[in-house]
Protein backbone atom coordinates (compact mmCIF):
# COMPACT_ATOMS: atom_id res chain seq x y z
CA MET A 1 2.76 10.96 -12.28
CA GLU A 2 5.03 9.86 -9.45
CA ASN A 3 6.26 6.32 -8.87
CA ILE A 4 7.00 4.84 -5.47
CA SER A 5 8.74 1.52 -4.76
CA TYR A 6 8.55 0.35 -1.17
CA ASN A 7 10.28 -2.73 0.26
CA THR A 8 7.85 -4.23 2.75
CA LYS A 9 8.70 -5.43 6.25
CA GLY A 10 7.11 -8.30 8.17
CA VAL A 11 4.74 -9.55 5.44
CA CYS A 12 4.72 -12.11 2.63
CA SER A 13 4.86 -9.54 -0.15
CA ARG A 14 8.35 -8.22 -0.87
CA GLN A 15 7.63 -4.91 -2.57
CA ILE A 16 4.84 -2.50 -3.37
CA ASP A 17 4.97 -0.28 -6.46
CA ILE A 18 2.59 2.66 -6.42
CA LYS A 19 1.74 5.27 -9.04
CA ILE A 20 0.33 8.56 -7.75
CA GLU A 21 -1.21 11.31 -9.82
CA ASP A 22 -2.31 14.59 -8.21
CA GLY A 23 -2.57 13.04 -4.74
CA VAL A 24 -4.66 10.10 -5.98
CA ILE A 25 -3.54 6.48 -6.21
CA ALA A 26 -3.50 5.53 -9.89
CA GLU A 27 -2.08 2.02 -9.56
CA VAL A 28 -0.76 -0.40 -6.93
CA VAL A 29 1.21 -3.58 -7.66
CA PHE A 30 2.35 -5.98 -4.93
CA THR A 31 5.27 -8.34 -5.59
CA GLY A 32 4.70 -11.57 -3.72
CA GLY A 33 2.10 -12.16 -1.05
CA CYS A 34 -1.35 -13.71 -1.36
CA SER A 35 -2.25 -12.98 -4.96
CA GLY A 36 -6.01 -12.59 -4.58
CA ASN A 37 -5.78 -10.47 -1.45
CA THR A 38 -3.08 -8.14 -2.76
CA LYS A 39 -4.89 -7.73 -6.10
CA GLY A 40 -8.08 -6.93 -4.18
CA VAL A 41 -6.41 -4.34 -1.97
CA ALA A 42 -4.72 -2.82 -5.03
CA ALA A 43 -8.02 -2.56 -6.92
CA LEU A 44 -9.82 -1.00 -3.95
CA ALA A 45 -7.05 1.55 -3.33
CA GLN A 46 -7.06 2.72 -6.95
CA GLY A 47 -8.80 6.08 -7.23
CA MET A 48 -8.50 6.88 -3.51
CA THR A 49 -6.65 9.86 -2.18
CA ILE A 50 -3.50 9.02 -0.28
CA GLU A 51 -5.05 10.27 2.97
CA GLU A 52 -8.20 8.15 2.57
CA ALA A 53 -6.19 4.99 1.83
CA VAL A 54 -3.98 5.55 4.89
CA LYS A 55 -7.05 6.15 7.06
CA ARG A 56 -8.68 2.91 5.92
CA LEU A 57 -5.63 0.61 5.78
CA LYS A 58 -3.36 1.68 8.63
CA GLY A 59 -3.26 -0.73 11.56
CA ILE A 60 -4.75 -3.78 9.81
CA LYS A 61 -3.00 -6.92 11.05
CA CYS A 62 -2.52 -10.30 9.36
CA GLY A 63 -3.09 -13.06 11.90
CA PRO A 64 -0.54 -12.79 14.71
CA LYS A 65 1.70 -10.42 12.73
CA SER A 66 1.87 -6.78 13.81
CA THR A 67 1.31 -5.63 10.21
CA SER A 68 -0.25 -6.75 6.91
CA CYS A 69 0.02 -6.00 3.22
CA PRO A 70 -2.70 -3.31 3.48
CA ASP A 71 -0.91 -1.81 6.51
CA GLN A 72 2.39 -1.83 4.61
CA LEU A 73 0.68 0.06 1.77
CA ALA A 74 -0.40 2.67 4.34
CA VAL A 75 3.17 2.84 5.69
CA ALA A 76 4.54 3.37 2.17
CA LEU A 77 2.03 6.15 1.53
CA GLU A 78 2.78 7.85 4.85
CA GLN A 79 6.48 7.72 4.07
CA TYR A 80 5.79 9.30 0.66
CA LEU A 81 3.82 12.12 2.32
CA ALA A 82 6.55 12.69 4.91
CA GLU A 83 9.18 13.04 2.18
CA LYS A 84 7.14 15.55 0.18
């Protein structure tokens, strides 16, 4: 199992911790942000492949912001794939 910690940019949450096992998201924990929304995104992402999560979450915006907590999760996952 691999662990990722990503410091978010431009959103209310400060950090996303992700556990990945064999290319599948095993767990996601947001630090800060809207508790219900981040818990919901984390629960939905669990069990998805990295590629599927990126496909579904990338580009989602939060109000007038250019990003969102789901988008930042996609960014963190893309960064993980790029470093592999």
